[in-house]
C-alpha atoms as a PDB file:
ATOM      1  CA  MET A   1      -0.003  -0.001  -0.001  1.00  0.00           C
ATOM      2  CA  ARG A   2       2.574   2.552  -1.124  1.00  0.00           C
ATOM      3  CA  PHE A   3       1.596   5.911  -2.565  1.00  0.00           C
ATOM      4  CA  GLU A   4       3.465   5.015  -5.751  1.00  0.00           C
ATOM      5  CA  GLU A   5       1.027   2.174  -6.364  1.00  0.00           C
ATOM      6  CA  LEU A   6      -2.050   4.435  -6.038  1.00  0.00           C
ATOM      7  CA  ASN A   7      -3.635   7.455  -7.674  1.00  0.00           C
ATOM      8  CA  TRP A   8      -5.105  10.427  -5.816  1.00  0.00           C
ATOM      9  CA  MET A   9      -8.613   8.967  -5.946  1.00  0.00           C
ATOM     10  CA  ASP A  10      -7.404   5.809  -4.213  1.00  0.00           C
ATOM     11  CA  VAL A  11      -5.962   7.907  -1.410  1.00  0.00           C
ATOM     12  CA  GLU A  12      -9.167   9.908  -1.114  1.00  0.00           C
ATOM     13  CA  ARG A  13     -11.175   6.700  -0.729  1.00  0.00           C
ATOM     14  CA  TYR A  14      -8.681   5.448   1.857  1.00  0.00           C
ATOM     15  CA  LEU A  15      -9.138   8.615   3.914  1.00  0.00           C
ATOM     16  CA  GLU A  16     -12.873   7.947   4.094  1.00  0.00           C
ATOM     17  CA  ARG A  17     -12.144   4.949   6.337  1.00  0.00           C
ATOM     18  CA  ASP A  18      -8.678   5.526   7.850  1.00  0.00           C
ATOM     19  CA  ASN A  19      -6.462   8.497   8.753  1.00  0.00           C
ATOM     20  CA  ARG A  20      -3.214   6.657   9.500  1.00  0.00           C
ATOM     21  CA  VAL A  21      -0.044   6.830   7.445  1.00  0.00           C
ATOM     22  CA  MET A  22       3.517   5.566   7.828  1.00  0.00           C
ATOM     23  CA  VAL A  23       6.313   8.005   7.000  1.00  0.00           C
ATOM     24  CA  VAL A  24       9.835   6.649   6.467  1.00  0.00           C
ATOM     25  CA  LEU A  25      12.803   8.896   7.251  1.00  0.00           C
ATOM     26  CA  GLY A  26      16.172   7.609   6.117  1.00  0.00           C
ATOM     27  CA  ALA A  27      19.550   8.698   4.807  1.00  0.00           C
ATOM     28  CA  CYS A  28      21.949   8.213   1.946  1.00  0.00           C
ATOM     29  CA  GLU A  29      25.227   7.534   3.714  1.00  0.00           C
ATOM     30  CA  GLN A  30      28.070   5.085   3.976  1.00  0.00           C
ATOM     31  CA  HIS A  31      27.270   1.763   5.569  1.00  0.00           C
ATOM     32  CA  GLY A  32      30.504  -0.089   5.098  1.00  0.00           C
ATOM     33  CA  TYR A  33      29.853  -2.989   2.711  1.00  0.00           C
ATOM     34  CA  LEU A  34      26.093  -2.423   2.763  1.00  0.00           C
ATOM     35  CA  SER A  35      23.888  -0.249   0.574  1.00  0.00           C
ATOM     36  CA  LEU A  36      24.215   3.506   0.849  1.00  0.00           C
ATOM     37  CA  LEU A  37      20.436   3.500   1.355  1.00  0.00           C
ATOM     38  CA  THR A  38      20.450   0.991   4.202  1.00  0.00           C
ATOM     39  CA  ASP A  39      18.761   3.536   6.481  1.00  0.00           C
ATOM     40  CA  VAL A  40      15.888   3.737   4.001  1.00  0.00           C
ATOM     41  CA  LYS A  41      15.668   0.069   3.045  1.00  0.00           C
ATOM     42  CA  ILE A  42      15.207  -1.276   6.579  1.00  0.00           C
ATOM     43  CA  PRO A  43      12.374   0.979   7.800  1.00  0.00           C
ATOM     44  CA  LEU A  44      10.708   0.768   4.385  1.00  0.00           C
ATOM     45  CA  ALA A  45      10.786  -3.038   4.540  1.00  0.00           C
ATOM     46  CA  LEU A  46       9.192  -2.834   7.982  1.00  0.00           C
ATOM     47  CA  ALA A  47       6.579  -0.404   6.681  1.00  0.00           C
ATOM     48  CA  ASP A  48       5.738  -2.663   3.734  1.00  0.00           C
ATOM     49  CA  ALA A  49       5.417  -5.714   5.958  1.00  0.00           C
ATOM     50  CA  ALA A  50       3.232  -3.814   8.426  1.00  0.00           C
ATOM     51  CA  SER A  51       1.114  -2.409   5.609  1.00  0.00           C
ATOM     52  CA  ARG A  52       0.417  -5.884   4.245  1.00  0.00           C
ATOM     53  CA  GLN A  53      -1.009  -6.899   7.626  1.00  0.00           C
ATOM     54  CA  SER A  54      -2.757  -3.649   8.581  1.00  0.00           C
ATOM     55  CA  GLY A  55      -3.675  -1.951   5.310  1.00  0.00           C
ATOM     56  CA  VAL A  56      -2.117   1.333   6.470  1.00  0.00           C
ATOM     57  CA  LEU A  57      -0.649   3.477   3.698  1.00  0.00           C
ATOM     58  CA  VAL A  58       3.088   4.070   3.293  1.00  0.00           C
ATOM     59  CA  ALA A  59       4.156   7.526   2.109  1.00  0.00           C
ATOM     60  CA  PRO A  60       7.235   7.852  -0.167  1.00  0.00           C
ATOM     61  CA  PRO A  61      10.408   7.666   1.945  1.00  0.00           C
ATOM     62  CA  LEU A  62      12.707  10.619   2.510  1.00  0.00           C
ATOM     63  CA  ASN A  63      15.997   9.248   1.163  1.00  0.00           C
ATOM     64  CA  PHE A  64      18.224  11.959   2.617  1.00  0.00           C
ATOM     65  CA  GLY A  65      18.996  12.779   6.235  1.00  0.00           C
ATOM     66  CA  ILE A  66      21.562  14.517   8.431  1.00  0.00           C
ATOM     67  CA  SER A  67      24.958  12.842   7.900  1.00  0.00           C
ATOM     68  CA  PRO A  68      27.722  15.500   7.932  1.00  0.00           C
ATOM     69  CA  TYR A  69      30.185  13.191   9.719  1.00  0.00           C
ATOM     70  CA  PHE A  70      30.240  10.772   6.738  1.00  0.00           C
ATOM     71  CA  LEU A  71      30.860  13.235   3.920  1.00  0.00           C
ATOM     72  CA  SER A  72      34.405  11.951   3.373  1.00  0.00           C
ATOM     73  CA  TYR A  73      32.852   8.687   2.181  1.00  0.00           C
ATOM     74  CA  PRO A  74      31.809   9.019  -1.497  1.00  0.00           C
ATOM     75  CA  GLY A  75      28.100   8.537  -2.066  1.00  0.00           C
ATOM     76  CA  THR A  76      27.021  10.117   1.202  1.00  0.00           C
ATOM     77  CA  ILE A  77      24.515  12.956   0.676  1.00  0.00           C
ATOM     78  CA  SER A  78      23.719  15.072   3.713  1.00  0.00           C
ATOM     79  CA  LEU A  79      21.092  17.736   4.320  1.00  0.00           C
ATOM     80  CA  ARG A  80      21.686  20.610   6.693  1.00  0.00           C
ATOM     81  CA  THR A  81      19.787  20.169   9.933  1.00  0.00           C
ATOM     82  CA  GLU A  82      17.550  23.158   9.228  1.00  0.00           C
ATOM     83  CA  THR A  83      16.785  21.894   5.732  1.00  0.00           C
ATOM     84  CA  PHE A  84      15.902  18.427   6.977  1.00  0.00           C
ATOM     85  CA  ILE A  85      13.624  19.737   9.711  1.00  0.00           C
ATOM     86  CA  ARG A  86      11.764  21.991   7.268  1.00  0.00           C
ATOM     87  CA  VAL A  87      11.341  19.184   4.746  1.00  0.00           C
ATOM     88  CA  VAL A  88       9.884  16.886   7.401  1.00  0.00           C
ATOM     89  CA  GLU A  89       7.584  19.673   8.568  1.00  0.00           C
ATOM     90  CA  ASP A  90       6.373  20.261   5.006  1.00  0.00           C
ATOM     91  CA  LEU A  91       5.798  16.541   4.384  1.00  0.00           C
ATOM     92  CA  ILE A  92       3.725  16.062   7.517  1.00  0.00           C
ATOM     93  CA  THR A  93       1.821  19.311   7.029  1.00  0.00           C
ATOM     94  CA  SER A  94       0.911  18.352   3.450  1.00  0.00           C
ATOM     95  CA  LEU A  95      -0.484  15.019   4.602  1.00  0.00           C
ATOM     96  CA  TYR A  96      -2.329  16.594   7.536  1.00  0.00           C
ATOM     97  CA  GLU A  97      -4.064  19.121   5.320  1.00  0.00           C
ATOM     98  CA  GLN A  98      -5.395  16.255   3.201  1.00  0.00           C
ATOM     99  CA  GLY A  99      -6.957  14.512   6.173  1.00  0.00           C
ATOM    100  CA  PHE A 100      -4.262  12.264   7.653  1.00  0.00           C
ATOM    101  CA  ARG A 101      -4.202  12.555  11.435  1.00  0.00           C
ATOM    102  CA  ARG A 102      -2.183   9.668  12.858  1.00  0.00           C
ATOM    103  CA  PHE A 103       1.450   9.520  11.743  1.00  0.00           C
ATOM    104  CA  LEU A 104       3.848   6.679  12.490  1.00  0.00           C
ATOM    105  CA  VAL A 105       7.336   7.913  11.643  1.00  0.00           C
ATOM    106  CA  LEU A 106       9.704   5.021  10.975  1.00  0.00           C
ATOM    107  CA  ASN A 107      13.153   6.532  11.300  1.00  0.00           C
ATOM    108  CA  GLY A 108      16.128   4.617   9.964  1.00  0.00           C
ATOM    109  CA  HIS A 109      18.928   7.048  10.796  1.00  0.00           C
ATOM    110  CA  GLY A 110      20.202   8.249  14.165  1.00  0.00           C
ATOM    111  CA  GLY A 111      21.117  11.703  12.893  1.00  0.00           C
ATOM    112  CA  ASN A 112      17.472  12.436  12.089  1.00  0.00           C
ATOM    113  CA  VAL A 113      16.391  12.803  15.724  1.00  0.00           C
ATOM    114  CA  ALA A 114      16.510  16.575  15.239  1.00  0.00           C
ATOM    115  CA  ALA A 115      13.068  16.288  13.632  1.00  0.00           C
ATOM    116  CA  GLN A 116      11.407  15.010  16.786  1.00  0.00           C
ATOM    117  CA  ASN A 117      10.905  18.440  18.320  1.00  0.00           C
ATOM    118  CA  VAL A 118       9.292  19.904  15.222  1.00  0.00           C
ATOM    119  CA  LEU A 119       6.882  16.967  15.124  1.00  0.00           C
ATOM    120  CA  VAL A 120       5.888  17.622  18.724  1.00  0.00           C
ATOM    121  CA  GLU A 121       5.410  21.297  17.913  1.00  0.00           C
ATOM    122  CA  LEU A 122       3.246  20.402  14.919  1.00  0.00           C
ATOM    123  CA  ALA A 123       1.115  18.051  17.011  1.00  0.00           C
ATOM    124  CA  ASN A 124       0.603  20.862  19.531  1.00  0.00           C
ATOM    125  CA  ARG A 125      -0.665  23.186  16.784  1.00  0.00           C
ATOM    126  CA  LYS A 126      -2.672  20.780  14.636  1.00  0.00           C
ATOM    127  CA  PRO A 127      -6.009  19.639  16.118  1.00  0.00           C
ATOM    128  CA  GLY A 128      -6.385  15.872  16.222  1.00  0.00           C
ATOM    129  CA  MET A 129      -2.840  15.160  15.072  1.00  0.00           C
ATOM    130  CA  LYS A 130      -0.978  12.285  16.729  1.00  0.00           C
ATOM    131  CA  VAL A 131       2.597  11.221  16.037  1.00  0.00           C
ATOM    132  CA  ALA A 132       4.540   8.120  17.034  1.00  0.00           C
ATOM    133  CA  TRP A 133       8.291   7.782  16.394  1.00  0.00           C
ATOM    134  CA  TYR A 134      10.057   4.450  15.978  1.00  0.00           C
ATOM    135  CA  ALA A 135      13.774   3.779  15.513  1.00  0.00           C
ATOM    136  CA  TRP A 136      14.106   0.016  15.137  1.00  0.00           C
ATOM    137  CA  TRP A 137      17.685  -0.391  16.389  1.00  0.00           C
ATOM    138  CA  GLN A 138      16.798   1.388  19.666  1.00  0.00           C
ATOM    139  CA  SER A 139      13.825  -0.858  20.354  1.00  0.00           C
ATOM    140  CA  HIS A 140      13.881  -2.876  23.575  1.00  0.00           C
ATOM    141  CA  SER A 141      12.553  -5.808  21.560  1.00  0.00           C
ATOM    142  CA  VAL A 142      15.507  -5.670  19.187  1.00  0.00           C
ATOM    143  CA  GLU A 143      17.959  -5.124  22.038  1.00  0.00           C
ATOM    144  CA  ALA A 144      16.571  -8.223  23.718  1.00  0.00           C
ATOM    145  CA  VAL A 145      17.277 -10.354  20.651  1.00  0.00           C
ATOM    146  CA  ALA A 146      20.850  -9.045  20.455  1.00  0.00           C
ATOM    147  CA  ALA A 147      21.369  -9.612  24.172  1.00  0.00           C
ATOM    148  CA  ARG A 148      20.083 -13.160  23.893  1.00  0.00           C
ATOM    149  CA  TYR A 149      22.944 -13.934  21.494  1.00  0.00           C
ATOM    150  CA  GLY A 150      25.489 -11.824  23.373  1.00  0.00           C
ATOM    151  CA  ILE A 151      26.175  -9.412  20.496  1.00  0.00           C
ATOM    152  CA  LYS A 152      25.963  -5.644  20.294  1.00  0.00           C
ATOM    153  CA  VAL A 153      24.412  -3.483  17.585  1.00  0.00           C
ATOM    154  CA  TYR A 154      26.836  -1.188  15.742  1.00  0.00           C
ATOM    155  CA  HIS A 155      26.435   1.105  12.747  1.00  0.00           C
ATOM    156  CA  ALA A 156      26.892  -0.785   9.443  1.00  0.00           C
ATOM    157  CA  GLY A 157      27.508  -4.053  11.267  1.00  0.00           C
ATOM    158  CA  TRP A 158      25.690  -7.366  11.449  1.00  0.00           C
ATOM    159  CA  ALA A 159      22.333  -5.969  12.607  1.00  0.00           C
ATOM    160  CA  GLU A 160      21.887  -4.002   9.395  1.00  0.00           C
ATOM    161  CA  ALA A 161      23.204  -6.748   7.109  1.00  0.00           C
ATOM    162  CA  PHE A 162      19.858  -8.020   5.862  1.00  0.00           C
ATOM    163  CA  SER A 163      19.715  -9.754   2.502  1.00  0.00           C
ATOM    164  CA  PHE A 164      18.075  -6.646   0.994  1.00  0.00           C
ATOM    165  CA  THR A 165      20.809  -4.269   2.238  1.00  0.00           C
ATOM    166  CA  ARG A 166      23.834  -6.285   1.101  1.00  0.00           C
ATOM    167  CA  VAL A 167      25.552  -5.136  -2.068  1.00  0.00           C
ATOM    168  CA  ALA A 168      28.926  -6.865  -1.548  1.00  0.00           C
ATOM    169  CA  ASP A 169      30.452  -9.843   0.195  1.00  0.00           C
ATOM    170  CA  LEU A 170      30.886  -9.248   3.930  1.00  0.00           C
ATOM    171  CA  PRO A 171      34.142  -9.862   5.790  1.00  0.00           C
ATOM    172  CA  GLN A 172      34.376 -12.624   8.363  1.00  0.00           C
ATOM    173  CA  GLY A 173      35.008 -12.079  12.022  1.00  0.00           C
ATOM    174  CA  GLU A 174      34.678  -8.959  14.154  1.00  0.00           C
ATOM    175  CA  LYS A 175      35.953  -5.420  14.016  1.00  0.00           C
ATOM    176  CA  HIS A 176      37.497  -3.660  17.013  1.00  0.00           C
ATOM    177  CA  VAL A 177      37.563   0.132  17.040  1.00  0.00           C
ATOM    178  CA  GLN A 178      39.770   2.251  19.271  1.00  0.00           C
ATOM    179  CA  GLY A 179      37.806   4.503  21.612  1.00  0.00           C
ATOM    180  CA  TYR A 180      37.517   8.228  20.960  1.00  0.00           C
ATOM    181  CA  GLN A 181      36.187  11.345  22.652  1.00  0.00           C
ATOM    182  CA  GLY A 182      34.398  14.446  21.414  1.00  0.00           C
ATOM    183  CA  LEU A 183      32.556  15.178  18.181  1.00  0.00           C
ATOM    184  CA  LEU A 184      34.348  13.924  15.085  1.00  0.00           C
ATOM    185  CA  ASN A 185      34.485  15.823  11.821  1.00  0.00           C
ATOM    186  CA  THR A 186      34.252  13.928   8.566  1.00  0.00           C
ATOM    187  CA  GLU A 187      38.011  13.401   8.151  1.00  0.00           C
ATOM    188  CA  GLU A 188      38.392  12.178  11.719  1.00  0.00           C
ATOM    189  CA  THR A 189      35.461   9.810  11.299  1.00  0.00           C
ATOM    190  CA  ARG A 190      37.010   8.139   8.270  1.00  0.00           C
ATOM    191  CA  ALA A 191      40.431   7.982   9.937  1.00  0.00           C
ATOM    192  CA  ILE A 192      39.006   6.148  12.946  1.00  0.00           C
ATOM    193  CA  PHE A 193      36.411   3.887  11.333  1.00  0.00           C
ATOM    194  CA  GLY A 194      38.094   3.110   8.007  1.00  0.00           C
ATOM    195  CA  ASP A 195      35.685   0.860   6.124  1.00  0.00           C
ATOM    196  CA  GLY A 196      32.761   2.568   7.892  1.00  0.00           C
ATOM    197  CA  VAL A 197      31.716  -0.264  10.177  1.00  0.00           C
ATOM    198  CA  PHE A 198      31.648   0.929  13.782  1.00  0.00           C
ATOM    199  CA  GLY A 199      32.540  -2.419  15.342  1.00  0.00           C
ATOM    200  CA  GLY A 200      31.356  -5.891  16.260  1.00  0.00           C
ATOM    201  CA  SER A 201      30.563  -8.801  13.991  1.00  0.00           C
ATOM    202  CA  TYR A 202      30.297  -8.165  10.279  1.00  0.00           C
ATOM    203  CA  GLN A 203      27.656 -10.842   9.834  1.00  0.00           C
ATOM    204  CA  VAL A 204      25.572 -13.363  11.748  1.00  0.00           C
ATOM    205  CA  GLU A 205      23.246 -16.221  10.901  1.00  0.00           C
ATOM    206  CA  GLU A 206      20.146 -15.385   8.899  1.00  0.00           C
ATOM    207  CA  THR A 207      17.930 -16.762  11.652  1.00  0.00           C
ATOM    208  CA  ILE A 208      19.143 -14.039  14.025  1.00  0.00           C
ATOM    209  CA  LEU A 209      18.419 -11.321  11.485  1.00  0.00           C
ATOM    210  CA  GLN A 210      14.958 -12.738  10.957  1.00  0.00           C
ATOM    211  CA  GLU A 211      14.358 -12.557  14.702  1.00  0.00           C
ATOM    212  CA  ILE A 212      15.493  -8.923  14.672  1.00  0.00           C
ATOM    213  CA  PHE A 213      13.132  -8.087  11.812  1.00  0.00           C
ATOM    214  CA  ASP A 214      10.195  -9.958  13.337  1.00  0.00           C
ATOM    215  CA  ALA A 215      10.680  -8.211  16.683  1.00  0.00           C
ATOM    216  CA  ALA A 216      10.751  -4.804  15.017  1.00  0.00           C
ATOM    217  CA  LEU A 217       7.709  -5.640  12.905  1.00  0.00           C
ATOM    218  CA  GLN A 218       5.675  -6.508  15.975  1.00  0.00           C
ATOM    219  CA  ASP A 219       6.641  -3.150  17.453  1.00  0.00           C
ATOM    220  CA  VAL A 220       5.445  -1.355  14.335  1.00  0.00           C
ATOM    221  CA  LEU A 221       2.138  -3.216  14.234  1.00  0.00           C
ATOM    222  CA  ALA A 222       1.526  -2.377  17.891  1.00  0.00           C
ATOM    223  CA  LEU A 223       2.304   1.301  17.298  1.00  0.00           C
ATOM    224  CA  LEU A 224      -0.215   1.456  14.446  1.00  0.00           C
ATOM    225  CA  ASN A 225      -2.964   1.037  17.025  1.00  0.00           C
ATOM    226  CA  PHE A 226      -2.242   4.416  18.671  1.00  0.00           C
END
């Protein structure tokens, strides 16, 4: 149930019976050996799976986020924080004015948290508007799966290495990164992290990844009932 599969009349008919919509916020940034659009692909896959079970519409994803620390990695495209916030505000406002009232934001990128405050401000100003925010890798359900196997979640590591995010063969073993302090600029980030993986195992068994996805999907389905 993506917008791209519908025309405007389909959406109008949908709004006669439901006012929920899922909005995917992502990024185009380095993810080691994984797709540059990993932060879009994962929440969009969750949205699609949740839509198939719930019938809730999925708005087109925002493919660009706030990623200034990765600009030394070719392929990374970063928006300024102010630009990103205004784009998110415009997206949600457009949908609200058409009749959508309940918004589940599926965020795939940590740098995008700057948009949370503007969403709260919008909800304060817009009668009947409700917003839920979900970042899958921060979910207690997902953390519980990782803890059960004694592995930690790192950027561009095993937890994001789904079959649909892989674009190259993954190394074996684990990566160990030396600790650092302070805010890193883009050159310092590349100097410390090299291939872009922040640490931990490069890959795990598919069954573990399926458990991660299933746990996140159940979270999304529960949130759609708000």
